[in-house]
Amino acid sequence: MSAVGDDLRVVPRNGTGASDQGSRYRRMSEYMEQTHGRRVELRVGDGVMGAYLTLPRSPGAHPGVIVAHQLFGVTPDIRAVADRIAALGYAVIAPDFFHRSEETGVELNADEEGRARGFALMGELTRAGVLDDVRAAEQYLRRHAGAAGPAGMVGLSMGGHLAYYAATQLPLTVTVVLYAGWLTGTDIPISRPEPTVALSGGITGRIVVILGADDHLITEEQRAIIEARLRAEGVRYEMAVLPGASHAFLSPSAPTFHAAAAEHAWKLIEQNLTAELGHALPQT
């Protein structure tokens, strides 16, 4: 990947919300104790992008993983996802893809007002901007976080769409896409001019698509279209459809959180990152 970003400064870490989000955040705090996380800023083109950087406490170089956020920005849920991946032995960065619209960083509440603002911000994203941001994040991990070797990406919901698109354009070794919407149509700007799934032939690494069987946003017909295209293009892929799970089943703060589906998804995330990137730390 080409370099487009340089570090500007480290910003004190924001609160993670682990102490005020109820019992479902308690387990996540265990991963925070195994990692060191902070907010950073990096340059993208002529602007500045904020991001959450989290690293294993173990010394040495680690493969890099980029986490793409959902509609609400780099929220406590997203930081917790990044911390859990970092605890496996990866250098992880979660960029704020909304930085061109909101310079101070976006962290929206998962309510109607936050959803409306999130959709408005998503409507301002462009494919070119997403690729610049992913390149900048990956280069930051290599230059300033000691990342080495292949890179991967994990995206949730909107971020899953961003990750899928990035995988079609950039040499990502492994991409994990969780409940990504709008892949088969042209409903949002980042799915235009052609549906993102139509670009699947550009995927050079492995892609893992994880969905809930009861997700209202991704129908059975859409799942079939995605899988058929991946198969036709000869992409190394896995699609997991988890029974009983709806949209956002991985997020503990969401009303649709599904513990069994989340744990199954985490097993798939760990297995595929380890198989494709290596360097995972032994569990204790």
C-alpha atoms as a PDB file:
ATOM      1  CA  MET A   1       0.000   0.000   0.000  1.00  0.00           C
ATOM      2  CA  SER A   2       1.220   3.476  -0.764  1.00  0.00           C
ATOM      3  CA  ALA A   3       1.925   5.949   2.002  1.00  0.00           C
ATOM      4  CA  VAL A   4      -0.466   8.867   2.340  1.00  0.00           C
ATOM      5  CA  GLY A   5      -0.468   9.525   6.089  1.00  0.00           C
ATOM      6  CA  ASP A   6       1.965  10.842   8.665  1.00  0.00           C
ATOM      7  CA  ASP A   7       1.566  10.994  12.421  1.00  0.00           C
ATOM      8  CA  LEU A   8       0.783  14.394  13.857  1.00  0.00           C
ATOM      9  CA  ARG A   9       0.393  13.855  17.580  1.00  0.00           C
ATOM     10  CA  VAL A  10      -0.963  11.542  20.233  1.00  0.00           C
ATOM     11  CA  VAL A  11      -4.150  12.641  21.962  1.00  0.00           C
ATOM     12  CA  PRO A  12      -5.044  11.444  25.484  1.00  0.00           C
ATOM     13  CA  ARG A  13      -7.266   8.404  25.373  1.00  0.00           C
ATOM     14  CA  ASN A  14     -10.970   9.026  25.641  1.00  0.00           C
ATOM     15  CA  GLY A  15     -13.036   7.113  28.169  1.00  0.00           C
ATOM     16  CA  THR A  16     -14.056   3.712  26.878  1.00  0.00           C
ATOM     17  CA  GLY A  17     -17.424   3.626  28.565  1.00  0.00           C
ATOM     18  CA  ALA A  18     -16.555   0.263  30.121  1.00  0.00           C
ATOM     19  CA  SER A  19     -17.580   1.384  33.594  1.00  0.00           C
ATOM     20  CA  ASP A  20     -20.941   2.878  32.708  1.00  0.00           C
ATOM     21  CA  GLN A  21     -22.433   0.545  30.113  1.00  0.00           C
ATOM     22  CA  GLY A  22     -23.535  -2.262  32.412  1.00  0.00           C
ATOM     23  CA  SER A  23     -22.487  -5.849  32.943  1.00  0.00           C
ATOM     24  CA  ARG A  24     -22.048  -6.700  29.264  1.00  0.00           C
ATOM     25  CA  TYR A  25     -18.940  -4.484  29.178  1.00  0.00           C
ATOM     26  CA  ARG A  26     -17.205  -6.251  32.063  1.00  0.00           C
ATOM     27  CA  ARG A  27     -15.632  -8.930  29.939  1.00  0.00           C
ATOM     28  CA  MET A  28     -14.356  -6.338  27.495  1.00  0.00           C
ATOM     29  CA  SER A  29     -12.407  -4.669  30.284  1.00  0.00           C
ATOM     30  CA  GLU A  30     -10.294  -7.815  30.492  1.00  0.00           C
ATOM     31  CA  TYR A  31      -9.015  -7.171  26.988  1.00  0.00           C
ATOM     32  CA  MET A  32      -8.319  -3.534  27.794  1.00  0.00           C
ATOM     33  CA  GLU A  33      -6.024  -4.718  30.574  1.00  0.00           C
ATOM     34  CA  GLN A  34      -4.040  -6.750  28.025  1.00  0.00           C
ATOM     35  CA  THR A  35      -3.609  -3.836  25.628  1.00  0.00           C
ATOM     36  CA  HIS A  36      -2.521  -0.224  25.523  1.00  0.00           C
ATOM     37  CA  GLY A  37      -4.987   2.048  23.683  1.00  0.00           C
ATOM     38  CA  ARG A  38      -4.967   5.741  22.872  1.00  0.00           C
ATOM     39  CA  ARG A  39      -6.359   8.239  20.422  1.00  0.00           C
ATOM     40  CA  VAL A  40      -4.012   9.360  17.649  1.00  0.00           C
ATOM     41  CA  GLU A  41      -4.222  11.724  14.719  1.00  0.00           C
ATOM     42  CA  LEU A  42      -2.718  11.200  11.280  1.00  0.00           C
ATOM     43  CA  ARG A  43      -2.632  13.165   8.090  1.00  0.00           C
ATOM     44  CA  VAL A  44      -4.666  12.113   5.078  1.00  0.00           C
ATOM     45  CA  GLY A  45      -4.096  14.324   2.065  1.00  0.00           C
ATOM     46  CA  ASP A  46      -4.508  17.887   3.302  1.00  0.00           C
ATOM     47  CA  GLY A  47      -6.636  16.906   6.309  1.00  0.00           C
ATOM     48  CA  VAL A  48      -6.360  15.180   9.656  1.00  0.00           C
ATOM     49  CA  MET A  49      -8.016  11.907  10.630  1.00  0.00           C
ATOM     50  CA  GLY A  50      -8.499  10.791  14.199  1.00  0.00           C
ATOM     51  CA  ALA A  51      -8.218   7.118  15.099  1.00  0.00           C
ATOM     52  CA  TYR A  52      -8.120   4.744  18.042  1.00  0.00           C
ATOM     53  CA  LEU A  53      -4.833   2.841  18.236  1.00  0.00           C
ATOM     54  CA  THR A  54      -4.479  -0.187  20.496  1.00  0.00           C
ATOM     55  CA  LEU A  55      -1.468  -2.477  20.856  1.00  0.00           C
ATOM     56  CA  PRO A  56      -0.624  -5.658  22.748  1.00  0.00           C
ATOM     57  CA  ARG A  57       1.393  -5.098  25.878  1.00  0.00           C
ATOM     58  CA  SER A  58       3.850  -7.741  24.689  1.00  0.00           C
ATOM     59  CA  PRO A  59       6.978  -6.357  22.987  1.00  0.00           C
ATOM     60  CA  GLY A  60       7.883  -6.858  19.355  1.00  0.00           C
ATOM     61  CA  ALA A  61       6.371  -6.372  15.919  1.00  0.00           C
ATOM     62  CA  HIS A  62       2.805  -7.499  15.286  1.00  0.00           C
ATOM     63  CA  PRO A  63       0.710  -7.826  12.128  1.00  0.00           C
ATOM     64  CA  GLY A  64      -1.632  -4.902  11.566  1.00  0.00           C
ATOM     65  CA  VAL A  65      -5.431  -4.953  11.574  1.00  0.00           C
ATOM     66  CA  ILE A  66      -7.713  -2.060  10.606  1.00  0.00           C
ATOM     67  CA  VAL A  67     -11.160  -1.940  12.249  1.00  0.00           C
ATOM     68  CA  ALA A  68     -13.881  -0.104  10.318  1.00  0.00           C
ATOM     69  CA  HIS A  69     -16.628   1.387  12.474  1.00  0.00           C
ATOM     70  CA  GLN A  70     -20.361   1.162  12.108  1.00  0.00           C
ATOM     71  CA  LEU A  71     -22.791   4.037  11.557  1.00  0.00           C
ATOM     72  CA  PHE A  72     -22.174   5.641  14.954  1.00  0.00           C
ATOM     73  CA  GLY A  73     -18.415   6.227  14.696  1.00  0.00           C
ATOM     74  CA  VAL A  74     -15.545   5.044  16.874  1.00  0.00           C
ATOM     75  CA  THR A  75     -17.763   4.243  19.854  1.00  0.00           C
ATOM     76  CA  PRO A  76     -16.975   2.214  23.002  1.00  0.00           C
ATOM     77  CA  ASP A  77     -18.188  -0.905  21.179  1.00  0.00           C
ATOM     78  CA  ILE A  78     -15.729  -0.319  18.335  1.00  0.00           C
ATOM     79  CA  ARG A  79     -12.865   0.419  20.711  1.00  0.00           C
ATOM     80  CA  ALA A  80     -13.705  -2.776  22.566  1.00  0.00           C
ATOM     81  CA  VAL A  81     -13.587  -4.747  19.304  1.00  0.00           C
ATOM     82  CA  ALA A  82     -10.177  -3.211  18.576  1.00  0.00           C
ATOM     83  CA  ASP A  83      -8.928  -4.027  22.099  1.00  0.00           C
ATOM     84  CA  ARG A  84     -10.040  -7.641  21.839  1.00  0.00           C
ATOM     85  CA  ILE A  85      -8.250  -8.094  18.508  1.00  0.00           C
ATOM     86  CA  ALA A  86      -5.131  -6.407  19.887  1.00  0.00           C
ATOM     87  CA  ALA A  87      -5.174  -8.801  22.843  1.00  0.00           C
ATOM     88  CA  LEU A  88      -4.704 -11.637  20.327  1.00  0.00           C
ATOM     89  CA  GLY A  89      -1.374 -10.145  19.294  1.00  0.00           C
ATOM     90  CA  TYR A  90      -2.163  -7.555  16.618  1.00  0.00           C
ATOM     91  CA  ALA A  91      -1.462  -3.854  16.178  1.00  0.00           C
ATOM     92  CA  VAL A  92      -4.945  -2.412  15.634  1.00  0.00           C
ATOM     93  CA  ILE A  93      -6.220   0.940  14.445  1.00  0.00           C
ATOM     94  CA  ALA A  94      -9.838   2.088  14.133  1.00  0.00           C
ATOM     95  CA  PRO A  95      -9.941   5.192  11.894  1.00  0.00           C
ATOM     96  CA  ASP A  96     -12.696   7.787  12.025  1.00  0.00           C
ATOM     97  CA  PHE A  97     -13.989   7.575   8.458  1.00  0.00           C
ATOM     98  CA  PHE A  98     -16.264  10.574   9.086  1.00  0.00           C
ATOM     99  CA  HIS A  99     -13.333  12.937   9.639  1.00  0.00           C
ATOM    100  CA  ARG A 100     -13.947  14.960   6.482  1.00  0.00           C
ATOM    101  CA  SER A 101     -17.379  15.933   7.806  1.00  0.00           C
ATOM    102  CA  GLU A 102     -16.663  16.201  11.548  1.00  0.00           C
ATOM    103  CA  GLU A 103     -13.125  17.256  12.401  1.00  0.00           C
ATOM    104  CA  THR A 104     -13.478  16.668  16.134  1.00  0.00           C
ATOM    105  CA  GLY A 105     -14.367  12.989  15.800  1.00  0.00           C
ATOM    106  CA  VAL A 106     -17.705  11.225  15.743  1.00  0.00           C
ATOM    107  CA  GLU A 107     -19.178   9.141  18.553  1.00  0.00           C
ATOM    108  CA  LEU A 108     -22.955   9.065  18.181  1.00  0.00           C
ATOM    109  CA  ASN A 109     -25.580   7.594  20.452  1.00  0.00           C
ATOM    110  CA  ALA A 110     -27.408   4.580  19.042  1.00  0.00           C
ATOM    111  CA  ASP A 111     -30.777   6.347  19.059  1.00  0.00           C
ATOM    112  CA  GLU A 112     -32.944   7.918  16.358  1.00  0.00           C
ATOM    113  CA  GLU A 113     -31.037  11.192  16.413  1.00  0.00           C
ATOM    114  CA  GLY A 114     -27.690   9.393  16.230  1.00  0.00           C
ATOM    115  CA  ARG A 115     -28.940   7.113  13.474  1.00  0.00           C
ATOM    116  CA  ALA A 116     -30.155  10.051  11.400  1.00  0.00           C
ATOM    117  CA  ARG A 117     -26.840  11.857  11.800  1.00  0.00           C
ATOM    118  CA  GLY A 118     -24.945   8.662  11.010  1.00  0.00           C
ATOM    119  CA  PHE A 119     -26.864   8.136   7.778  1.00  0.00           C
ATOM    120  CA  ALA A 120     -26.190  11.752   6.802  1.00  0.00           C
ATOM    121  CA  LEU A 121     -22.457  11.295   7.439  1.00  0.00           C
ATOM    122  CA  MET A 122     -22.397   7.996   5.571  1.00  0.00           C
ATOM    123  CA  GLY A 123     -23.949   9.791   2.618  1.00  0.00           C
ATOM    124  CA  GLU A 124     -20.888  12.049   2.481  1.00  0.00           C
ATOM    125  CA  LEU A 125     -18.380   9.196   2.207  1.00  0.00           C
ATOM    126  CA  THR A 126     -16.699   8.531  -1.127  1.00  0.00           C
ATOM    127  CA  ARG A 127     -14.916   5.474  -2.406  1.00  0.00           C
ATOM    128  CA  ALA A 128     -11.742   7.454  -3.044  1.00  0.00           C
ATOM    129  CA  GLY A 129     -11.789   8.867   0.478  1.00  0.00           C
ATOM    130  CA  VAL A 130     -12.282   5.436   2.031  1.00  0.00           C
ATOM    131  CA  LEU A 131      -9.265   4.048   0.187  1.00  0.00           C
ATOM    132  CA  ASP A 132      -7.113   7.028   1.211  1.00  0.00           C
ATOM    133  CA  ASP A 133      -8.138   6.475   4.835  1.00  0.00           C
ATOM    134  CA  VAL A 134      -7.400   2.748   4.792  1.00  0.00           C
ATOM    135  CA  ARG A 135      -4.000   3.332   3.178  1.00  0.00           C
ATOM    136  CA  ALA A 136      -3.177   6.004   5.745  1.00  0.00           C
ATOM    137  CA  ALA A 137      -4.224   3.753   8.638  1.00  0.00           C
ATOM    138  CA  GLU A 138      -2.197   0.815   7.354  1.00  0.00           C
ATOM    139  CA  GLN A 139       0.868   2.998   6.808  1.00  0.00           C
ATOM    140  CA  TYR A 140       0.503   4.486  10.289  1.00  0.00           C
ATOM    141  CA  LEU A 141       0.574   1.000  11.798  1.00  0.00           C
ATOM    142  CA  ARG A 142       3.827   0.252   9.976  1.00  0.00           C
ATOM    143  CA  ARG A 143       5.562   3.567  10.620  1.00  0.00           C
ATOM    144  CA  HIS A 144       4.490   4.343  14.160  1.00  0.00           C
ATOM    145  CA  ALA A 145       3.068   1.199  15.768  1.00  0.00           C
ATOM    146  CA  GLY A 146       5.701  -1.350  14.805  1.00  0.00           C
ATOM    147  CA  ALA A 147       3.387  -3.393  12.587  1.00  0.00           C
ATOM    148  CA  ALA A 148       5.080  -5.811  10.225  1.00  0.00           C
ATOM    149  CA  GLY A 149       4.045  -8.437   7.719  1.00  0.00           C
ATOM    150  CA  PRO A 150       0.632  -8.766   6.097  1.00  0.00           C
ATOM    151  CA  ALA A 151      -2.350  -6.602   7.023  1.00  0.00           C
ATOM    152  CA  GLY A 152      -6.012  -7.414   7.578  1.00  0.00           C
ATOM    153  CA  MET A 153      -9.270  -5.568   8.101  1.00  0.00           C
ATOM    154  CA  VAL A 154     -12.400  -6.148  10.169  1.00  0.00           C
ATOM    155  CA  GLY A 155     -15.571  -4.112   9.570  1.00  0.00           C
ATOM    156  CA  LEU A 156     -18.975  -3.967  11.239  1.00  0.00           C
ATOM    157  CA  SER A 157     -22.208  -2.936   9.477  1.00  0.00           C
ATOM    158  CA  MET A 158     -21.335   0.191   7.473  1.00  0.00           C
ATOM    159  CA  GLY A 159     -17.707  -0.588   8.262  1.00  0.00           C
ATOM    160  CA  GLY A 160     -18.246  -4.055   6.846  1.00  0.00           C
ATOM    161  CA  HIS A 161     -19.190  -2.443   3.551  1.00  0.00           C
ATOM    162  CA  LEU A 162     -16.079  -0.251   3.703  1.00  0.00           C
ATOM    163  CA  ALA A 163     -13.929  -3.295   4.446  1.00  0.00           C
ATOM    164  CA  TYR A 164     -15.444  -5.291   1.570  1.00  0.00           C
ATOM    165  CA  TYR A 165     -14.809  -2.431  -0.831  1.00  0.00           C
ATOM    166  CA  ALA A 166     -11.248  -1.941   0.437  1.00  0.00           C
ATOM    167  CA  ALA A 167     -10.571  -5.645  -0.123  1.00  0.00           C
ATOM    168  CA  THR A 168     -11.552  -5.267  -3.788  1.00  0.00           C
ATOM    169  CA  GLN A 169      -9.017  -2.469  -4.311  1.00  0.00           C
ATOM    170  CA  LEU A 170      -6.136  -3.055  -1.887  1.00  0.00           C
ATOM    171  CA  PRO A 171      -3.884  -6.057  -1.131  1.00  0.00           C
ATOM    172  CA  LEU A 172      -5.458  -7.002   2.191  1.00  0.00           C
ATOM    173  CA  THR A 173      -4.440 -10.492   3.260  1.00  0.00           C
ATOM    174  CA  VAL A 174      -7.672 -11.191   5.143  1.00  0.00           C
ATOM    175  CA  THR A 175     -10.915  -9.228   5.514  1.00  0.00           C
ATOM    176  CA  VAL A 176     -13.707 -10.030   7.971  1.00  0.00           C
ATOM    177  CA  VAL A 177     -17.041  -8.464   7.062  1.00  0.00           C
ATOM    178  CA  LEU A 178     -19.777  -8.459   9.699  1.00  0.00           C
ATOM    179  CA  TYR A 179     -23.390  -7.776   8.652  1.00  0.00           C
ATOM    180  CA  ALA A 180     -22.504  -5.365   5.845  1.00  0.00           C
ATOM    181  CA  GLY A 181     -25.523  -3.813   4.160  1.00  0.00           C
ATOM    182  CA  TRP A 182     -26.065  -2.398   0.662  1.00  0.00           C
ATOM    183  CA  LEU A 183     -23.446  -4.597  -1.009  1.00  0.00           C
ATOM    184  CA  THR A 184     -25.759  -5.767  -3.785  1.00  0.00           C
ATOM    185  CA  GLY A 185     -27.374  -2.436  -4.715  1.00  0.00           C
ATOM    186  CA  THR A 186     -26.534   1.210  -5.335  1.00  0.00           C
ATOM    187  CA  ASP A 187     -28.481   2.708  -2.435  1.00  0.00           C
ATOM    188  CA  ILE A 188     -25.600   4.629  -0.869  1.00  0.00           C
ATOM    189  CA  PRO A 189     -22.765   6.685  -2.423  1.00  0.00           C
ATOM    190  CA  ILE A 190     -20.047   4.168  -1.550  1.00  0.00           C
ATOM    191  CA  SER A 191     -21.970   1.506  -3.494  1.00  0.00           C
ATOM    192  CA  ARG A 192     -21.852   3.503  -6.731  1.00  0.00           C
ATOM    193  CA  PRO A 193     -21.524   3.551  -9.685  1.00  0.00           C
ATOM    194  CA  GLU A 194     -21.659  -0.262  -9.635  1.00  0.00           C
ATOM    195  CA  PRO A 195     -22.731  -2.360  -6.637  1.00  0.00           C
ATOM    196  CA  THR A 196     -19.761  -3.123  -4.446  1.00  0.00           C
ATOM    197  CA  VAL A 197     -20.314  -6.865  -4.807  1.00  0.00           C
ATOM    198  CA  ALA A 198     -19.730  -6.459  -8.555  1.00  0.00           C
ATOM    199  CA  LEU A 199     -16.106  -5.587  -7.745  1.00  0.00           C
ATOM    200  CA  SER A 200     -15.462  -8.891  -5.965  1.00  0.00           C
ATOM    201  CA  GLY A 201     -13.071 -10.048  -8.667  1.00  0.00           C
ATOM    202  CA  GLY A 202     -10.515  -7.594  -7.274  1.00  0.00           C
ATOM    203  CA  ILE A 203     -10.270  -9.409  -3.931  1.00  0.00           C
ATOM    204  CA  THR A 204      -6.833 -11.022  -3.698  1.00  0.00           C
ATOM    205  CA  GLY A 205      -6.887 -12.203  -0.091  1.00  0.00           C
ATOM    206  CA  ARG A 206      -9.343 -14.228   1.957  1.00  0.00           C
ATOM    207  CA  ILE A 207     -12.709 -12.712   2.859  1.00  0.00           C
ATOM    208  CA  VAL A 208     -15.011 -13.924   5.618  1.00  0.00           C
ATOM    209  CA  VAL A 209     -18.618 -12.724   5.561  1.00  0.00           C
ATOM    210  CA  ILE A 210     -20.511 -13.147   8.843  1.00  0.00           C
ATOM    211  CA  LEU A 211     -24.253 -12.490   8.939  1.00  0.00           C
ATOM    212  CA  GLY A 212     -27.253 -12.992  11.173  1.00  0.00           C
ATOM    213  CA  ALA A 213     -29.975 -15.236   9.764  1.00  0.00           C
ATOM    214  CA  ASP A 214     -32.624 -12.780  11.009  1.00  0.00           C
ATOM    215  CA  ASP A 215     -30.926  -9.588   9.799  1.00  0.00           C
ATOM    216  CA  HIS A 216     -33.576  -7.344   8.230  1.00  0.00           C
ATOM    217  CA  LEU A 217     -30.932  -5.430   6.288  1.00  0.00           C
ATOM    218  CA  ILE A 218     -29.407  -8.399   4.452  1.00  0.00           C
ATOM    219  CA  THR A 219     -32.000 -10.712   2.981  1.00  0.00           C
ATOM    220  CA  GLU A 220     -31.562 -14.338   1.979  1.00  0.00           C
ATOM    221  CA  GLU A 221     -31.631 -13.236  -1.660  1.00  0.00           C
ATOM    222  CA  GLN A 222     -28.822 -10.754  -1.042  1.00  0.00           C
ATOM    223  CA  ARG A 223     -26.769 -13.389   0.749  1.00  0.00           C
ATOM    224  CA  ALA A 224     -27.161 -15.667  -2.268  1.00  0.00           C
ATOM    225  CA  ILE A 225     -26.024 -12.907  -4.629  1.00  0.00           C
ATOM    226  CA  ILE A 226     -22.915 -12.188  -2.544  1.00  0.00           C
ATOM    227  CA  GLU A 227     -21.942 -15.838  -2.267  1.00  0.00           C
ATOM    228  CA  ALA A 228     -22.578 -16.545  -5.946  1.00  0.00           C
ATOM    229  CA  ARG A 229     -20.368 -13.627  -6.967  1.00  0.00           C
ATOM    230  CA  LEU A 230     -17.525 -14.646  -4.649  1.00  0.00           C
ATOM    231  CA  ARG A 231     -17.685 -18.195  -5.949  1.00  0.00           C
ATOM    232  CA  ALA A 232     -17.832 -17.097  -9.584  1.00  0.00           C
ATOM    233  CA  GLU A 233     -14.792 -14.875  -9.142  1.00  0.00           C
ATOM    234  CA  GLY A 234     -12.767 -17.645  -7.510  1.00  0.00           C
ATOM    235  CA  VAL A 235     -12.285 -15.688  -4.284  1.00  0.00           C
ATOM    236  CA  ARG A 236     -11.131 -17.553  -1.185  1.00  0.00           C
ATOM    237  CA  TYR A 237     -14.123 -16.930   1.034  1.00  0.00           C
ATOM    238  CA  GLU A 238     -16.256 -18.184   3.879  1.00  0.00           C
ATOM    239  CA  MET A 239     -19.832 -17.141   4.584  1.00  0.00           C
ATOM    240  CA  ALA A 240     -21.290 -17.833   7.997  1.00  0.00           C
ATOM    241  CA  VAL A 241     -25.004 -17.245   8.601  1.00  0.00           C
ATOM    242  CA  LEU A 242     -25.672 -17.409  12.336  1.00  0.00           C
ATOM    243  CA  PRO A 243     -29.125 -18.640  13.433  1.00  0.00           C
ATOM    244  CA  GLY A 244     -31.238 -16.421  15.669  1.00  0.00           C
ATOM    245  CA  ALA A 245     -29.009 -13.383  15.147  1.00  0.00           C
ATOM    246  CA  SER A 246     -30.184 -10.039  13.809  1.00  0.00           C
ATOM    247  CA  HIS A 247     -28.229  -6.939  12.814  1.00  0.00           C
ATOM    248  CA  ALA A 248     -25.477  -5.652  15.144  1.00  0.00           C
ATOM    249  CA  PHE A 249     -25.420  -8.911  17.111  1.00  0.00           C
ATOM    250  CA  LEU A 250     -21.752  -8.388  18.016  1.00  0.00           C
ATOM    251  CA  SER A 251     -22.295  -5.089  19.854  1.00  0.00           C
ATOM    252  CA  PRO A 252     -23.001  -5.555  23.572  1.00  0.00           C
ATOM    253  CA  SER A 253     -24.714  -2.184  23.864  1.00  0.00           C
ATOM    254  CA  ALA A 254     -27.188  -2.950  21.068  1.00  0.00           C
ATOM    255  CA  PRO A 255     -30.642  -4.353  21.875  1.00  0.00           C
ATOM    256  CA  THR A 256     -29.963  -6.992  19.194  1.00  0.00           C
ATOM    257  CA  PHE A 257     -26.811  -8.282  20.921  1.00  0.00           C
ATOM    258  CA  HIS A 258     -26.749 -12.087  20.690  1.00  0.00           C
ATOM    259  CA  ALA A 259     -24.209 -13.687  23.003  1.00  0.00           C
ATOM    260  CA  ALA A 260     -23.964 -17.083  21.285  1.00  0.00           C
ATOM    261  CA  ALA A 261     -23.699 -15.562  17.811  1.00  0.00           C
ATOM    262  CA  ALA A 262     -21.135 -13.054  19.044  1.00  0.00           C
ATOM    263  CA  GLU A 263     -18.929 -15.776  20.507  1.00  0.00           C
ATOM    264  CA  HIS A 264     -19.189 -17.800  17.297  1.00  0.00           C
ATOM    265  CA  ALA A 265     -18.245 -14.720  15.286  1.00  0.00           C
ATOM    266  CA  TRP A 266     -15.272 -14.066  17.549  1.00  0.00           C
ATOM    267  CA  LYS A 267     -14.045 -17.625  16.999  1.00  0.00           C
ATOM    268  CA  LEU A 268     -14.206 -17.050  13.255  1.00  0.00           C
ATOM    269  CA  ILE A 269     -12.399 -13.722  13.577  1.00  0.00           C
ATOM    270  CA  GLU A 270      -9.609 -15.238  15.660  1.00  0.00           C
ATOM    271  CA  GLN A 271      -9.261 -18.341  13.494  1.00  0.00           C
ATOM    272  CA  ASN A 272      -9.023 -16.406  10.259  1.00  0.00           C
ATOM    273  CA  LEU A 273      -6.693 -13.699  11.538  1.00  0.00           C
ATOM    274  CA  THR A 274      -4.412 -16.376  12.957  1.00  0.00           C
ATOM    275  CA  ALA A 275      -4.484 -18.502   9.800  1.00  0.00           C
ATOM    276  CA  GLU A 276      -3.820 -15.604   7.435  1.00  0.00           C
ATOM    277  CA  LEU A 277      -1.751 -13.184   9.519  1.00  0.00           C
ATOM    278  CA  GLY A 278      -0.234 -15.473  12.154  1.00  0.00           C
ATOM    279  CA  HIS A 279       1.409 -14.138  15.285  1.00  0.00           C
ATOM    280  CA  ALA A 280      -1.541 -14.528  17.651  1.00  0.00           C
ATOM    281  CA  LEU A 281      -0.594 -14.683  21.296  1.00  0.00           C
ATOM    282  CA  PRO A 282      -1.279 -17.879  23.273  1.00  0.00           C
ATOM    283  CA  GLN A 283      -4.350 -17.724  25.468  1.00  0.00           C
ATOM    284  CA  THR A 284      -3.793 -17.827  29.221  1.00  0.00           C
END
